[in-house]
Each structure stands twice: as C-alpha cells, then as structure tokens.
C-alpha cells in the first residue's frame, strides 16, 4: 500500500495588529461641536436678517409718517420740500421692467452657453471658454457701467431706430422722444450682460452633475444629442437653472453703479422703453444719498426696504416653485 505524504499547507498569515480607533466619545464630541457651529451660524444669519429688517422698518416709518404724498403711487421724489412729497411708483416700475428685460435676454443665452460648454464643445475649447465666463463674473459693476456709457449707449442708437422703424407698432418700441439711448431698454441690456456670466457658471456646473448613466442609456436607445439634452439634461438641471436665474435676478434688482452710469433718470413712467428716462431703487439711492439730509436718508431707506422685500419675495417664490414641483429636483430624471 502506497504511503501517503502530508500536503504542505501555506503558513497562516500573521495576525494584523488591531488599529487603535478613536475613542467613541471623541467622535461624539466632534459631532456636537459641528452641530453647534452649524446651528449657531444659521441662527446668527437669521438674527442679522431680522436686525436689518427692523432697522429698515423703523427708519421707513419715520419717513413715511411725514410724507404728504402716497408712498406707493406718487410720481415724485422731493423729501426736502415743504411739505415733503415722495413715492416709489417710478422706481418700482423701472426696477421691475429693467430686470425683466435682463432676464428675458440673459437666461436663454446663458443656458445655451452652459450646454455648449458642458456637452458640445471639445475639452480644449470648453476649458478656456469656462475660464473666461468665470472671469467676467468677477468684473466690478463700475467697469460695466463705464463700458456701457462709452460704448453701449452710442451703438444702441442705431438699434433703437431700427426697432422704432419695424416694431414701433407695438407701442413698447415706439420712440417718441429725441435723445441718446439712456433708457430702461439700455439698462436692461447692460444688466443682461452683467448677469450672463453668473447664470452661465451655475447652470454649467449643474449640467456637469447629470448622471452619465442617464445620458448613456438615452444614447443606447438611439436618441440624438439634442434628445439626450431635452430628455435627460434639462429635466435634471431645472432646479439649477431656476436657482441660477434667481441669483442673476437678485443682482439685476440691486445693481447700482452700472445703472447710475448709463441711465438718464427722470420721475416719469412711460411704456415707450426706448425713450430716455426712468429710475430704479438702487440708482436713486446712490444718486441722492450724498446730498440728502437726515429725513431724506430716511426716505431713501424706505425705498430700500421695498427693494429688500421685493428681493425676498422673488427668492421665496423661486424656492416655492422648486419645492412644489418635485421633478425639478432632478431625482426623476
């Protein structure tokens, strides 16, 4: 009978020394510290916002209580008069109209640029374009204002004549006054140029976060590049587009120096957007604050309170739209 030899077994690996873990109490302490800092930061932010609101409200009440006109409907700004008469009708109209013009022009172009950078342009071209867009977002507003006054205003005179000739029948683009193009329409175009980099940058980052699995699945089913964008990218990025638009709208509503440099202010409301004149909240505060007395500053603070409330309402409406439309979150893309 053949003898059997024992099978050589590989030696057992040496036991690894157990890694000394952090004490459980240390991790809990770090979590508590982080929770406290986060909660404290949120509470501090709410306290600051509430303090600003209380300050604006208090100073506004002092001014509005002495206003002899209707603060919401008066077409005049003369807090130094006897009696003082001032109102925000022209400022509210100019702020809203110029911001709407800016959004109508900027948002579609910004989304198109963001899609081109994220899904169409080759990497060697996309990177420089993205860098230039981010760089434009950091340009100070006064630089845009100087450029608008020296370059944009003279060149828009020809555009205004063309719009008056072919679209004057719409009443909005009918030019009834002679003068340079220092109008709300010019302000809207300048604001569109200013908010374009912000909306583009945020939208681009959102589009780059679209799961590649969704795009590859659509391509595997035979979808074209545009169908992939329409069915996968845009539904996923809707919340980001809305957030980017609201961020740009916030800058358009509160822009000061660029508007003050380009606009020829007047306290008249006209639906002829090509006519010179108009005003915005921020432009009026910047122009009148230096020469205003104590009561005049309170009146300007009252107009600033309206702008503050308007900005909060716009951002709250955007948050409400996103919260009520679950498909905007991108979870179902």
C-alpha atoms as a PDB file:
ATOM      1  CA  UNK A   1       0.000   0.000   0.000  1.00  0.00           C
ATOM      2  CA  UNK A   2       1.430   3.339  -1.078  1.00  0.00           C
ATOM      3  CA  UNK A   3       2.371   5.624   1.721  1.00  0.00           C
ATOM      4  CA  UNK A   4       0.696   8.991   1.874  1.00  0.00           C
ATOM      5  CA  UNK A   5       2.645  12.163   2.465  1.00  0.00           C
ATOM      6  CA  UNK A   6       1.108  15.113   4.222  1.00  0.00           C
ATOM      7  CA  UNK A   7       0.136  18.040   1.984  1.00  0.00           C
ATOM      8  CA  UNK A   8       2.198  21.142   2.600  1.00  0.00           C
ATOM      9  CA  UNK A   9      -0.149  23.876   3.776  1.00  0.00           C
ATOM     10  CA  UNK A  10       0.841  27.524   3.321  1.00  0.00           C
ATOM     11  CA  UNK A  11       1.731  29.206   6.546  1.00  0.00           C
ATOM     12  CA  UNK A  12      -1.017  31.235   8.101  1.00  0.00           C
ATOM     13  CA  UNK A  13      -0.588  34.975   7.643  1.00  0.00           C
ATOM     14  CA  UNK A  14       0.475  36.794  10.737  1.00  0.00           C
ATOM     15  CA  UNK A  15      -2.303  38.395  12.633  1.00  0.00           C
ATOM     16  CA  UNK A  16      -2.599  42.080  11.963  1.00  0.00           C
ATOM     17  CA  UNK A  17      -2.358  44.268  14.963  1.00  0.00           C
ATOM     18  CA  UNK A  18      -5.647  45.869  15.702  1.00  0.00           C
ATOM     19  CA  UNK A  19      -5.737  49.527  14.737  1.00  0.00           C
ATOM     20  CA  UNK A  20      -6.374  51.734  17.614  1.00  0.00           C
ATOM     21  CA  UNK A  21      -9.591  53.505  16.826  1.00  0.00           C
ATOM     22  CA  UNK A  22     -10.559  56.870  18.104  1.00  0.00           C
ATOM     23  CA  UNK A  23     -12.492  56.832  21.324  1.00  0.00           C
ATOM     24  CA  UNK A  24     -16.186  56.913  20.748  1.00  0.00           C
ATOM     25  CA  UNK A  25     -16.515  59.912  22.983  1.00  0.00           C
ATOM     26  CA  UNK A  26     -14.145  61.915  20.758  1.00  0.00           C
ATOM     27  CA  UNK A  27     -16.307  61.331  17.662  1.00  0.00           C
ATOM     28  CA  UNK A  28     -19.443  62.279  19.558  1.00  0.00           C
ATOM     29  CA  UNK A  29     -17.759  65.429  20.844  1.00  0.00           C
ATOM     30  CA  UNK A  30     -16.756  66.428  17.283  1.00  0.00           C
ATOM     31  CA  UNK A  31     -20.311  65.856  16.050  1.00  0.00           C
ATOM     32  CA  UNK A  32     -21.698  68.001  18.849  1.00  0.00           C
ATOM     33  CA  UNK A  33     -19.228  70.794  18.122  1.00  0.00           C
ATOM     34  CA  UNK A  34     -20.028  70.720  14.394  1.00  0.00           C
ATOM     35  CA  UNK A  35     -23.767  70.653  15.116  1.00  0.00           C
ATOM     36  CA  UNK A  36     -23.433  73.606  17.457  1.00  0.00           C
ATOM     37  CA  UNK A  37     -21.395  75.650  14.990  1.00  0.00           C
ATOM     38  CA  UNK A  38     -23.813  74.911  12.142  1.00  0.00           C
ATOM     39  CA  UNK A  39     -26.854  75.729  14.235  1.00  0.00           C
ATOM     40  CA  UNK A  40     -25.228  78.870  15.598  1.00  0.00           C
ATOM     41  CA  UNK A  41     -24.332  80.055  12.091  1.00  0.00           C
ATOM     42  CA  UNK A  42     -27.905  79.593  10.933  1.00  0.00           C
ATOM     43  CA  UNK A  43     -29.305  81.414  13.950  1.00  0.00           C
ATOM     44  CA  UNK A  44     -26.767  84.229  13.510  1.00  0.00           C
ATOM     45  CA  UNK A  45     -27.812  84.655   9.890  1.00  0.00           C
ATOM     46  CA  UNK A  46     -31.474  84.883  10.892  1.00  0.00           C
ATOM     47  CA  UNK A  47     -30.623  87.410  13.608  1.00  0.00           C
ATOM     48  CA  UNK A  48     -28.704  89.565  11.112  1.00  0.00           C
ATOM     49  CA  UNK A  49     -31.561  89.460   8.601  1.00  0.00           C
ATOM     50  CA  UNK A  50     -34.080  90.298  11.318  1.00  0.00           C
ATOM     51  CA  UNK A  51     -31.901  93.186  12.534  1.00  0.00           C
ATOM     52  CA  UNK A  52     -31.690  94.614   9.028  1.00  0.00           C
ATOM     53  CA  UNK A  53     -35.455  94.312   8.613  1.00  0.00           C
ATOM     54  CA  UNK A  54     -36.135  96.007  11.969  1.00  0.00           C
ATOM     55  CA  UNK A  55     -33.706  98.848  11.188  1.00  0.00           C
ATOM     56  CA  UNK A  56     -35.171  99.464   7.738  1.00  0.00           C
ATOM     57  CA  UNK A  57     -38.724  99.287   9.046  1.00  0.00           C
ATOM     58  CA  UNK A  58     -38.072 101.718  11.912  1.00  0.00           C
ATOM     59  CA  UNK A  59     -36.389 104.343   9.724  1.00  0.00           C
ATOM     60  CA  UNK A  60     -39.009 103.871   6.997  1.00  0.00           C
ATOM     61  CA  UNK A  61     -41.886 104.504   9.393  1.00  0.00           C
ATOM     62  CA  UNK A  62     -40.265 107.766  10.468  1.00  0.00           C
ATOM     63  CA  UNK A  63     -40.132 108.952   6.862  1.00  0.00           C
ATOM     64  CA  UNK A  64     -43.465 107.653   5.565  1.00  0.00           C
ATOM     65  CA  UNK A  65     -45.352 109.136   8.530  1.00  0.00           C
ATOM     66  CA  UNK A  66     -44.341 112.633   7.336  1.00  0.00           C
ATOM     67  CA  UNK A  67     -44.878 112.011   3.629  1.00  0.00           C
ATOM     68  CA  UNK A  68     -47.648 114.208   2.230  1.00  0.00           C
ATOM     69  CA  UNK A  69     -47.998 112.041  -0.867  1.00  0.00           C
ATOM     70  CA  UNK A  70     -48.857 108.388  -1.344  1.00  0.00           C
ATOM     71  CA  UNK A  71     -45.655 106.461  -0.879  1.00  0.00           C
ATOM     72  CA  UNK A  72     -46.693 103.735  -3.329  1.00  0.00           C
ATOM     73  CA  UNK A  73     -48.244 105.815  -6.130  1.00  0.00           C
ATOM     74  CA  UNK A  74     -46.579 109.250  -6.091  1.00  0.00           C
ATOM     75  CA  UNK A  75     -44.556 110.114  -9.239  1.00  0.00           C
ATOM     76  CA  UNK A  76     -42.155 112.454  -7.461  1.00  0.00           C
ATOM     77  CA  UNK A  77     -39.185 112.371  -5.119  1.00  0.00           C
ATOM     78  CA  UNK A  78     -38.835 115.538  -3.066  1.00  0.00           C
ATOM     79  CA  UNK A  79     -38.337 114.709   0.625  1.00  0.00           C
ATOM     80  CA  UNK A  80     -36.633 118.077   1.142  1.00  0.00           C
ATOM     81  CA  UNK A  81     -39.714 120.019   0.048  1.00  0.00           C
ATOM     82  CA  UNK A  82     -42.181 121.805   2.252  1.00  0.00           C
ATOM     83  CA  UNK A  83     -44.236 119.695   2.652  1.00  0.00           C
ATOM     84  CA  UNK A  84     -42.149 116.586   1.759  1.00  0.00           C
ATOM     85  CA  UNK A  85     -43.608 114.535  -1.097  1.00  0.00           C
ATOM     86  CA  UNK A  86     -42.020 111.347  -2.363  1.00  0.00           C
ATOM     87  CA  UNK A  87     -43.079 107.977  -3.737  1.00  0.00           C
ATOM     88  CA  UNK A  88     -41.690 104.798  -5.286  1.00  0.00           C
ATOM     89  CA  UNK A  89     -44.004 104.283  -8.263  1.00  0.00           C
ATOM     90  CA  UNK A  90     -41.382 105.236 -10.868  1.00  0.00           C
ATOM     91  CA  UNK A  91     -38.601 103.402  -9.041  1.00  0.00           C
ATOM     92  CA  UNK A  92     -40.616 100.200  -8.722  1.00  0.00           C
ATOM     93  CA  UNK A  93     -41.612 100.306 -12.380  1.00  0.00           C
ATOM     94  CA  UNK A  94     -38.061 100.924 -13.576  1.00  0.00           C
ATOM     95  CA  UNK A  95     -36.549  98.236 -11.354  1.00  0.00           C
ATOM     96  CA  UNK A  96     -39.032  95.563 -12.392  1.00  0.00           C
ATOM     97  CA  UNK A  97     -39.023  96.421 -16.116  1.00  0.00           C
ATOM     98  CA  UNK A  98     -35.225  96.596 -16.472  1.00  0.00           C
ATOM     99  CA  UNK A  99     -34.830  93.324 -14.552  1.00  0.00           C
ATOM    100  CA  UNK A 100     -37.400  91.568 -16.729  1.00  0.00           C
ATOM    101  CA  UNK A 101     -35.629  92.757 -19.875  1.00  0.00           C
ATOM    102  CA  UNK A 102     -32.342  91.477 -18.474  1.00  0.00           C
ATOM    103  CA  UNK A 103     -33.782  88.076 -17.613  1.00  0.00           C
ATOM    104  CA  UNK A 104     -35.508  87.637 -20.980  1.00  0.00           C
ATOM    105  CA  UNK A 105     -32.231  88.316 -22.782  1.00  0.00           C
ATOM    106  CA  UNK A 106     -29.730  86.659 -20.443  1.00  0.00           C
ATOM    107  CA  UNK A 107     -31.307  83.372 -19.319  1.00  0.00           C
ATOM    108  CA  UNK A 108     -31.778  81.681 -22.745  1.00  0.00           C
ATOM    109  CA  UNK A 109     -28.298  82.756 -23.868  1.00  0.00           C
ATOM    110  CA  UNK A 110     -26.738  81.627 -20.588  1.00  0.00           C
ATOM    111  CA  UNK A 111     -28.383  78.200 -20.755  1.00  0.00           C
ATOM    112  CA  UNK A 112     -27.226  77.813 -24.356  1.00  0.00           C
ATOM    113  CA  UNK A 113     -23.639  78.716 -23.459  1.00  0.00           C
ATOM    114  CA  UNK A 114     -23.714  76.343 -20.483  1.00  0.00           C
ATOM    115  CA  UNK A 115     -24.965  73.482 -22.670  1.00  0.00           C
ATOM    116  CA  UNK A 116     -22.307  74.212 -25.277  1.00  0.00           C
ATOM    117  CA  UNK A 117     -19.522  74.163 -22.687  1.00  0.00           C
ATOM    118  CA  UNK A 118     -20.745  71.032 -20.912  1.00  0.00           C
ATOM    119  CA  UNK A 119     -21.974  68.861 -23.797  1.00  0.00           C
ATOM    120  CA  UNK A 120     -20.902  70.171 -27.200  1.00  0.00           C
ATOM    121  CA  UNK A 121     -17.527  71.893 -27.080  1.00  0.00           C
ATOM    122  CA  UNK A 122     -14.349  69.772 -27.080  1.00  0.00           C
ATOM    123  CA  UNK A 123     -12.414  69.845 -23.834  1.00  0.00           C
ATOM    124  CA  UNK A 124      -9.615  72.028 -25.236  1.00  0.00           C
ATOM    125  CA  UNK A 125     -12.180  74.658 -26.211  1.00  0.00           C
ATOM    126  CA  UNK A 126     -14.567  74.258 -23.262  1.00  0.00           C
ATOM    127  CA  UNK A 127     -11.944  74.959 -20.606  1.00  0.00           C
ATOM    128  CA  UNK A 128     -10.872  78.402 -21.955  1.00  0.00           C
ATOM    129  CA  UNK A 129     -14.488  79.459 -22.516  1.00  0.00           C
ATOM    130  CA  UNK A 130     -15.454  78.424 -18.983  1.00  0.00           C
ATOM    131  CA  UNK A 131     -12.460  80.333 -17.607  1.00  0.00           C
ATOM    132  CA  UNK A 132     -13.445  83.500 -19.490  1.00  0.00           C
ATOM    133  CA  UNK A 133     -17.050  83.210 -18.299  1.00  0.00           C
ATOM    134  CA  UNK A 134     -15.935  82.837 -14.679  1.00  0.00           C
ATOM    135  CA  UNK A 135     -13.590  85.788 -15.115  1.00  0.00           C
ATOM    136  CA  UNK A 136     -16.396  88.002 -16.442  1.00  0.00           C
ATOM    137  CA  UNK A 137     -18.458  87.225 -13.336  1.00  0.00           C
ATOM    138  CA  UNK A 138     -15.767  88.894 -11.206  1.00  0.00           C
ATOM    139  CA  UNK A 139     -15.598  92.168 -13.169  1.00  0.00           C
ATOM    140  CA  UNK A 140     -16.707  95.116 -10.953  1.00  0.00           C
ATOM    141  CA  UNK A 141     -20.003  96.733 -11.840  1.00  0.00           C
ATOM    142  CA  UNK A 142     -18.446 100.168 -12.310  1.00  0.00           C
ATOM    143  CA  UNK A 143     -16.347  98.747 -15.152  1.00  0.00           C
ATOM    144  CA  UNK A 144     -19.525  97.537 -16.845  1.00  0.00           C
ATOM    145  CA  UNK A 145     -21.059 100.955 -16.254  1.00  0.00           C
ATOM    146  CA  UNK A 146     -18.174 102.834 -17.858  1.00  0.00           C
ATOM    147  CA  UNK A 147     -18.177 100.455 -20.809  1.00  0.00           C
ATOM    148  CA  UNK A 148     -21.929 100.853 -21.136  1.00  0.00           C
ATOM    149  CA  UNK A 149     -21.754 104.649 -21.110  1.00  0.00           C
ATOM    150  CA  UNK A 150     -18.858 104.915 -23.583  1.00  0.00           C
ATOM    151  CA  UNK A 151     -19.572 102.001 -25.912  1.00  0.00           C
ATOM    152  CA  UNK A 152     -23.044 100.523 -25.437  1.00  0.00           C
ATOM    153  CA  UNK A 153     -25.070 103.749 -25.362  1.00  0.00           C
ATOM    154  CA  UNK A 154     -23.689 105.202 -28.646  1.00  0.00           C
ATOM    155  CA  UNK A 155     -24.019 101.913 -30.524  1.00  0.00           C
ATOM    156  CA  UNK A 156     -27.572 101.295 -29.347  1.00  0.00           C
ATOM    157  CA  UNK A 157     -28.873 104.422 -31.051  1.00  0.00           C
ATOM    158  CA  UNK A 158     -28.927 102.589 -34.388  1.00  0.00           C
ATOM    159  CA  UNK A 159     -30.706  99.612 -32.796  1.00  0.00           C
ATOM    160  CA  UNK A 160     -33.290 101.916 -31.282  1.00  0.00           C
ATOM    161  CA  UNK A 161     -34.020 103.498 -34.664  1.00  0.00           C
ATOM    162  CA  UNK A 162     -34.343 100.051 -36.242  1.00  0.00           C
ATOM    163  CA  UNK A 163     -36.719  98.864 -33.514  1.00  0.00           C
ATOM    164  CA  UNK A 164     -38.763 102.046 -33.881  1.00  0.00           C
ATOM    165  CA  UNK A 165     -38.974 101.601 -37.641  1.00  0.00           C
ATOM    166  CA  UNK A 166     -40.024  97.943 -37.718  1.00  0.00           C
ATOM    167  CA  UNK A 167     -41.567  97.355 -34.290  1.00  0.00           C
ATOM    168  CA  UNK A 168     -42.881 100.793 -33.390  1.00  0.00           C
ATOM    169  CA  UNK A 169     -46.413  99.473 -33.896  1.00  0.00           C
ATOM    170  CA  UNK A 170     -46.023  97.516 -30.640  1.00  0.00           C
ATOM    171  CA  UNK A 171     -46.063 100.826 -28.697  1.00  0.00           C
ATOM    172  CA  UNK A 172     -43.307  99.492 -26.432  1.00  0.00           C
ATOM    173  CA  UNK A 173     -40.619 100.017 -29.077  1.00  0.00           C
ATOM    174  CA  UNK A 174     -42.030 103.296 -30.363  1.00  0.00           C
ATOM    175  CA  UNK A 175     -39.511 106.096 -29.829  1.00  0.00           C
ATOM    176  CA  UNK A 176     -41.344 109.354 -29.239  1.00  0.00           C
ATOM    177  CA  UNK A 177     -38.525 111.464 -27.777  1.00  0.00           C
ATOM    178  CA  UNK A 178     -35.231 112.504 -29.316  1.00  0.00           C
ATOM    179  CA  UNK A 179     -32.139 111.744 -27.263  1.00  0.00           C
ATOM    180  CA  UNK A 180     -29.329 109.327 -26.627  1.00  0.00           C
ATOM    181  CA  UNK A 181     -30.099 105.743 -25.700  1.00  0.00           C
ATOM    182  CA  UNK A 182     -30.065 106.238 -21.932  1.00  0.00           C
ATOM    183  CA  UNK A 183     -33.292 104.358 -21.370  1.00  0.00           C
ATOM    184  CA  UNK A 184     -34.620 101.398 -19.417  1.00  0.00           C
ATOM    185  CA  UNK A 185     -34.104  99.256 -22.510  1.00  0.00           C
ATOM    186  CA  UNK A 186     -30.393 100.082 -22.483  1.00  0.00           C
ATOM    187  CA  UNK A 187     -30.234  99.372 -18.754  1.00  0.00           C
ATOM    188  CA  UNK A 188     -31.888  96.001 -19.341  1.00  0.00           C
ATOM    189  CA  UNK A 189     -29.326  95.063 -21.993  1.00  0.00           C
ATOM    190  CA  UNK A 190     -26.454  96.115 -19.740  1.00  0.00           C
ATOM    191  CA  UNK A 191     -27.875  94.138 -16.813  1.00  0.00           C
ATOM    192  CA  UNK A 192     -28.283  91.124 -19.093  1.00  0.00           C
ATOM    193  CA  UNK A 193     -24.582  91.302 -19.962  1.00  0.00           C
ATOM    194  CA  UNK A 194     -23.706  91.598 -16.275  1.00  0.00           C
ATOM    195  CA  UNK A 195     -25.773  88.630 -15.045  1.00  0.00           C
ATOM    196  CA  UNK A 196     -24.941  86.420 -18.018  1.00  0.00           C
ATOM    197  CA  UNK A 197     -21.683  85.029 -16.503  1.00  0.00           C
ATOM    198  CA  UNK A 198     -23.362  84.198 -13.177  1.00  0.00           C
ATOM    199  CA  UNK A 199     -26.281  82.324 -14.725  1.00  0.00           C
ATOM    200  CA  UNK A 200     -23.933  80.558 -17.136  1.00  0.00           C
ATOM    201  CA  UNK A 201     -21.491  79.412 -14.447  1.00  0.00           C
ATOM    202  CA  UNK A 202     -24.142  77.983 -12.143  1.00  0.00           C
ATOM    203  CA  UNK A 203     -26.047  76.313 -14.987  1.00  0.00           C
ATOM    204  CA  UNK A 204     -22.834  74.787 -16.359  1.00  0.00           C
ATOM    205  CA  UNK A 205     -21.965  73.234 -13.006  1.00  0.00           C
ATOM    206  CA  UNK A 206     -25.465  71.785 -12.719  1.00  0.00           C
ATOM    207  CA  UNK A 207     -25.334  70.288 -16.218  1.00  0.00           C
ATOM    208  CA  UNK A 208     -21.982  68.671 -15.441  1.00  0.00           C
ATOM    209  CA  UNK A 209     -23.595  66.857 -12.492  1.00  0.00           C
ATOM    210  CA  UNK A 210     -26.081  64.980 -14.694  1.00  0.00           C
ATOM    211  CA  UNK A 211     -25.520  61.207 -14.160  1.00  0.00           C
ATOM    212  CA  UNK A 212     -23.632  59.800 -17.115  1.00  0.00           C
ATOM    213  CA  UNK A 213     -25.751  56.654 -16.838  1.00  0.00           C
ATOM    214  CA  UNK A 214     -28.836  58.616 -17.895  1.00  0.00           C
ATOM    215  CA  UNK A 215     -27.120  60.097 -20.941  1.00  0.00           C
ATOM    216  CA  UNK A 216     -25.548  56.793 -21.994  1.00  0.00           C
ATOM    217  CA  UNK A 217     -28.876  54.995 -21.633  1.00  0.00           C
ATOM    218  CA  UNK A 218     -30.564  57.548 -23.896  1.00  0.00           C
ATOM    219  CA  UNK A 219     -27.784  57.252 -26.475  1.00  0.00           C
ATOM    220  CA  UNK A 220     -28.044  53.455 -26.353  1.00  0.00           C
ATOM    221  CA  UNK A 221     -31.732  53.723 -27.208  1.00  0.00           C
ATOM    222  CA  UNK A 222     -30.876  55.726 -30.318  1.00  0.00           C
ATOM    223  CA  UNK A 223     -31.502  59.247 -29.062  1.00  0.00           C
ATOM    224  CA  UNK A 224     -29.767  62.137 -30.771  1.00  0.00           C
ATOM    225  CA  UNK A 225     -27.587  64.604 -28.878  1.00  0.00           C
ATOM    226  CA  UNK A 226     -30.433  67.117 -28.642  1.00  0.00           C
ATOM    227  CA  UNK A 227     -32.876  64.433 -27.464  1.00  0.00           C
ATOM    228  CA  UNK A 228     -30.403  63.438 -24.734  1.00  0.00           C
ATOM    229  CA  UNK A 229     -30.250  67.056 -23.589  1.00  0.00           C
ATOM    230  CA  UNK A 230     -34.019  67.504 -23.770  1.00  0.00           C
ATOM    231  CA  UNK A 231     -34.870  64.235 -22.005  1.00  0.00           C
ATOM    232  CA  UNK A 232     -32.006  63.856 -19.537  1.00  0.00           C
ATOM    233  CA  UNK A 233     -30.011  67.037 -19.030  1.00  0.00           C
ATOM    234  CA  UNK A 234     -32.660  69.749 -18.897  1.00  0.00           C
ATOM    235  CA  UNK A 235     -35.069  67.873 -16.569  1.00  0.00           C
ATOM    236  CA  UNK A 236     -32.195  67.180 -14.180  1.00  0.00           C
ATOM    237  CA  UNK A 237     -30.957  70.773 -14.298  1.00  0.00           C
ATOM    238  CA  UNK A 238     -34.254  72.654 -13.987  1.00  0.00           C
ATOM    239  CA  UNK A 239     -33.796  73.405 -10.311  1.00  0.00           C
ATOM    240  CA  UNK A 240     -30.274  74.631 -11.019  1.00  0.00           C
ATOM    241  CA  UNK A 241     -31.462  76.837 -13.875  1.00  0.00           C
ATOM    242  CA  UNK A 242     -34.128  78.380 -11.646  1.00  0.00           C
ATOM    243  CA  UNK A 243     -31.610  78.952  -8.854  1.00  0.00           C
ATOM    244  CA  UNK A 244     -29.121  80.496 -11.275  1.00  0.00           C
ATOM    245  CA  UNK A 245     -31.823  82.733 -12.733  1.00  0.00           C
ATOM    246  CA  UNK A 246     -32.872  83.930  -9.291  1.00  0.00           C
ATOM    247  CA  UNK A 247     -29.253  84.617  -8.416  1.00  0.00           C
ATOM    248  CA  UNK A 248     -28.904  86.721 -11.550  1.00  0.00           C
ATOM    249  CA  UNK A 249     -32.227  88.436 -10.894  1.00  0.00           C
ATOM    250  CA  UNK A 250     -31.046  89.375  -7.416  1.00  0.00           C
ATOM    251  CA  UNK A 251     -28.029  91.131  -8.893  1.00  0.00           C
ATOM    252  CA  UNK A 252     -30.164  92.835 -11.529  1.00  0.00           C
ATOM    253  CA  UNK A 253     -32.609  94.142  -8.916  1.00  0.00           C
ATOM    254  CA  UNK A 254     -29.886  95.597  -6.718  1.00  0.00           C
ATOM    255  CA  UNK A 255     -27.396  96.835  -9.296  1.00  0.00           C
ATOM    256  CA  UNK A 256     -26.349 100.401  -8.568  1.00  0.00           C
ATOM    257  CA  UNK A 257     -23.322 101.973 -10.208  1.00  0.00           C
ATOM    258  CA  UNK A 258     -23.736 100.500 -13.678  1.00  0.00           C
ATOM    259  CA  UNK A 259     -27.354 101.673 -13.844  1.00  0.00           C
ATOM    260  CA  UNK A 260     -26.477 105.110 -12.452  1.00  0.00           C
ATOM    261  CA  UNK A 261     -23.778 105.498 -15.106  1.00  0.00           C
ATOM    262  CA  UNK A 262     -25.988 104.558 -18.056  1.00  0.00           C
ATOM    263  CA  UNK A 263     -29.489 105.743 -17.160  1.00  0.00           C
ATOM    264  CA  UNK A 264     -30.770 109.300 -17.584  1.00  0.00           C
ATOM    265  CA  UNK A 265     -33.044 109.478 -14.510  1.00  0.00           C
ATOM    266  CA  UNK A 266     -36.469 111.060 -14.501  1.00  0.00           C
ATOM    267  CA  UNK A 267     -39.608 110.545 -12.429  1.00  0.00           C
ATOM    268  CA  UNK A 268     -41.918 109.667 -15.281  1.00  0.00           C
ATOM    269  CA  UNK A 269     -43.432 106.299 -16.132  1.00  0.00           C
ATOM    270  CA  UNK A 270     -43.547 105.559 -19.848  1.00  0.00           C
ATOM    271  CA  UNK A 271     -44.208 102.303 -21.650  1.00  0.00           C
ATOM    272  CA  UNK A 272     -42.059 103.613 -24.508  1.00  0.00           C
ATOM    273  CA  UNK A 273     -38.979 101.748 -23.343  1.00  0.00           C
ATOM    274  CA  UNK A 274     -36.699 103.424 -25.893  1.00  0.00           C
ATOM    275  CA  UNK A 275     -37.324 106.916 -24.521  1.00  0.00           C
ATOM    276  CA  UNK A 276     -34.678 108.303 -22.158  1.00  0.00           C
ATOM    277  CA  UNK A 277     -35.654 108.422 -18.517  1.00  0.00           C
ATOM    278  CA  UNK A 278     -36.839 106.244 -15.687  1.00  0.00           C
ATOM    279  CA  UNK A 279     -35.223 105.147 -12.478  1.00  0.00           C
ATOM    280  CA  UNK A 280     -34.516 102.207 -10.177  1.00  0.00           C
ATOM    281  CA  UNK A 281     -34.305 101.810  -6.425  1.00  0.00           C
ATOM    282  CA  UNK A 282     -30.561 101.265  -6.257  1.00  0.00           C
ATOM    283  CA  UNK A 283     -29.761 104.016  -8.767  1.00  0.00           C
ATOM    284  CA  UNK A 284     -31.912 106.537  -6.897  1.00  0.00           C
ATOM    285  CA  UNK A 285     -30.300 105.680  -3.539  1.00  0.00           C
ATOM    286  CA  UNK A 286     -26.805 106.025  -4.975  1.00  0.00           C
ATOM    287  CA  UNK A 287     -27.614 109.339  -6.691  1.00  0.00           C
ATOM    288  CA  UNK A 288     -29.482 111.018  -3.818  1.00  0.00           C
ATOM    289  CA  UNK A 289     -27.806 109.690  -0.667  1.00  0.00           C
ATOM    290  CA  UNK A 290     -24.804 112.008  -0.698  1.00  0.00           C
ATOM    291  CA  UNK A 291     -26.841 115.213  -0.857  1.00  0.00           C
ATOM    292  CA  UNK A 292     -29.740 114.101   1.354  1.00  0.00           C
ATOM    293  CA  UNK A 293     -30.343 115.380   4.876  1.00  0.00           C
ATOM    294  CA  UNK A 294     -31.394 113.150   7.784  1.00  0.00           C
ATOM    295  CA  UNK A 295     -35.032 112.988   6.677  1.00  0.00           C
ATOM    296  CA  UNK A 296     -34.009 112.436   3.049  1.00  0.00           C
ATOM    297  CA  UNK A 297     -31.874 109.479   4.095  1.00  0.00           C
ATOM    298  CA  UNK A 298     -34.840 108.024   5.959  1.00  0.00           C
ATOM    299  CA  UNK A 299     -36.888 108.361   2.763  1.00  0.00           C
ATOM    300  CA  UNK A 300     -34.176 106.564   0.800  1.00  0.00           C
ATOM    301  CA  UNK A 301     -34.079 103.852   3.457  1.00  0.00           C
ATOM    302  CA  UNK A 302     -37.839 103.456   2.986  1.00  0.00           C
ATOM    303  CA  UNK A 303     -37.281 102.795  -0.713  1.00  0.00           C
ATOM    304  CA  UNK A 304     -34.511 100.374   0.237  1.00  0.00           C
ATOM    305  CA  UNK A 305     -36.994  98.491   2.421  1.00  0.00           C
ATOM    306  CA  UNK A 306     -39.247  97.994  -0.601  1.00  0.00           C
ATOM    307  CA  UNK A 307     -36.297  96.632  -2.575  1.00  0.00           C
ATOM    308  CA  UNK A 308     -35.430  94.363   0.361  1.00  0.00           C
ATOM    309  CA  UNK A 309     -38.970  92.974   0.483  1.00  0.00           C
ATOM    310  CA  UNK A 310     -39.085  92.614  -3.317  1.00  0.00           C
ATOM    311  CA  UNK A 311     -35.878  90.569  -3.304  1.00  0.00           C
ATOM    312  CA  UNK A 312     -37.178  88.324  -0.513  1.00  0.00           C
ATOM    313  CA  UNK A 313     -40.444  87.754  -2.392  1.00  0.00           C
ATOM    314  CA  UNK A 314     -38.628  86.828  -5.601  1.00  0.00           C
ATOM    315  CA  UNK A 315     -36.346  84.347  -3.863  1.00  0.00           C
ATOM    316  CA  UNK A 316     -39.218  82.925  -1.829  1.00  0.00           C
ATOM    317  CA  UNK A 317     -41.271  82.415  -4.978  1.00  0.00           C
ATOM    318  CA  UNK A 318     -38.377  80.573  -6.606  1.00  0.00           C
ATOM    319  CA  UNK A 319     -37.994  78.287  -3.584  1.00  0.00           C
ATOM    320  CA  UNK A 320     -41.729  77.633  -3.604  1.00  0.00           C
ATOM    321  CA  UNK A 321     -41.689  76.687  -7.288  1.00  0.00           C
ATOM    322  CA  UNK A 322     -38.838  74.240  -6.745  1.00  0.00           C
ATOM    323  CA  UNK A 323     -40.448  72.713  -3.658  1.00  0.00           C
ATOM    324  CA  UNK A 324     -43.852  72.202  -5.270  1.00  0.00           C
ATOM    325  CA  UNK A 325     -42.508  70.700  -8.482  1.00  0.00           C
ATOM    326  CA  UNK A 326     -40.715  67.527  -7.458  1.00  0.00           C
ATOM    327  CA  UNK A 327     -39.491  66.847 -10.961  1.00  0.00           C
ATOM    328  CA  UNK A 328     -37.342  69.999 -10.751  1.00  0.00           C
ATOM    329  CA  UNK A 329     -35.154  68.312  -8.166  1.00  0.00           C
ATOM    330  CA  UNK A 330     -33.646  66.014 -10.771  1.00  0.00           C
ATOM    331  CA  UNK A 331     -34.457  62.893  -8.808  1.00  0.00           C
ATOM    332  CA  UNK A 332     -36.776  61.580 -11.501  1.00  0.00           C
ATOM    333  CA  UNK A 333     -34.505  62.480 -14.423  1.00  0.00           C
END
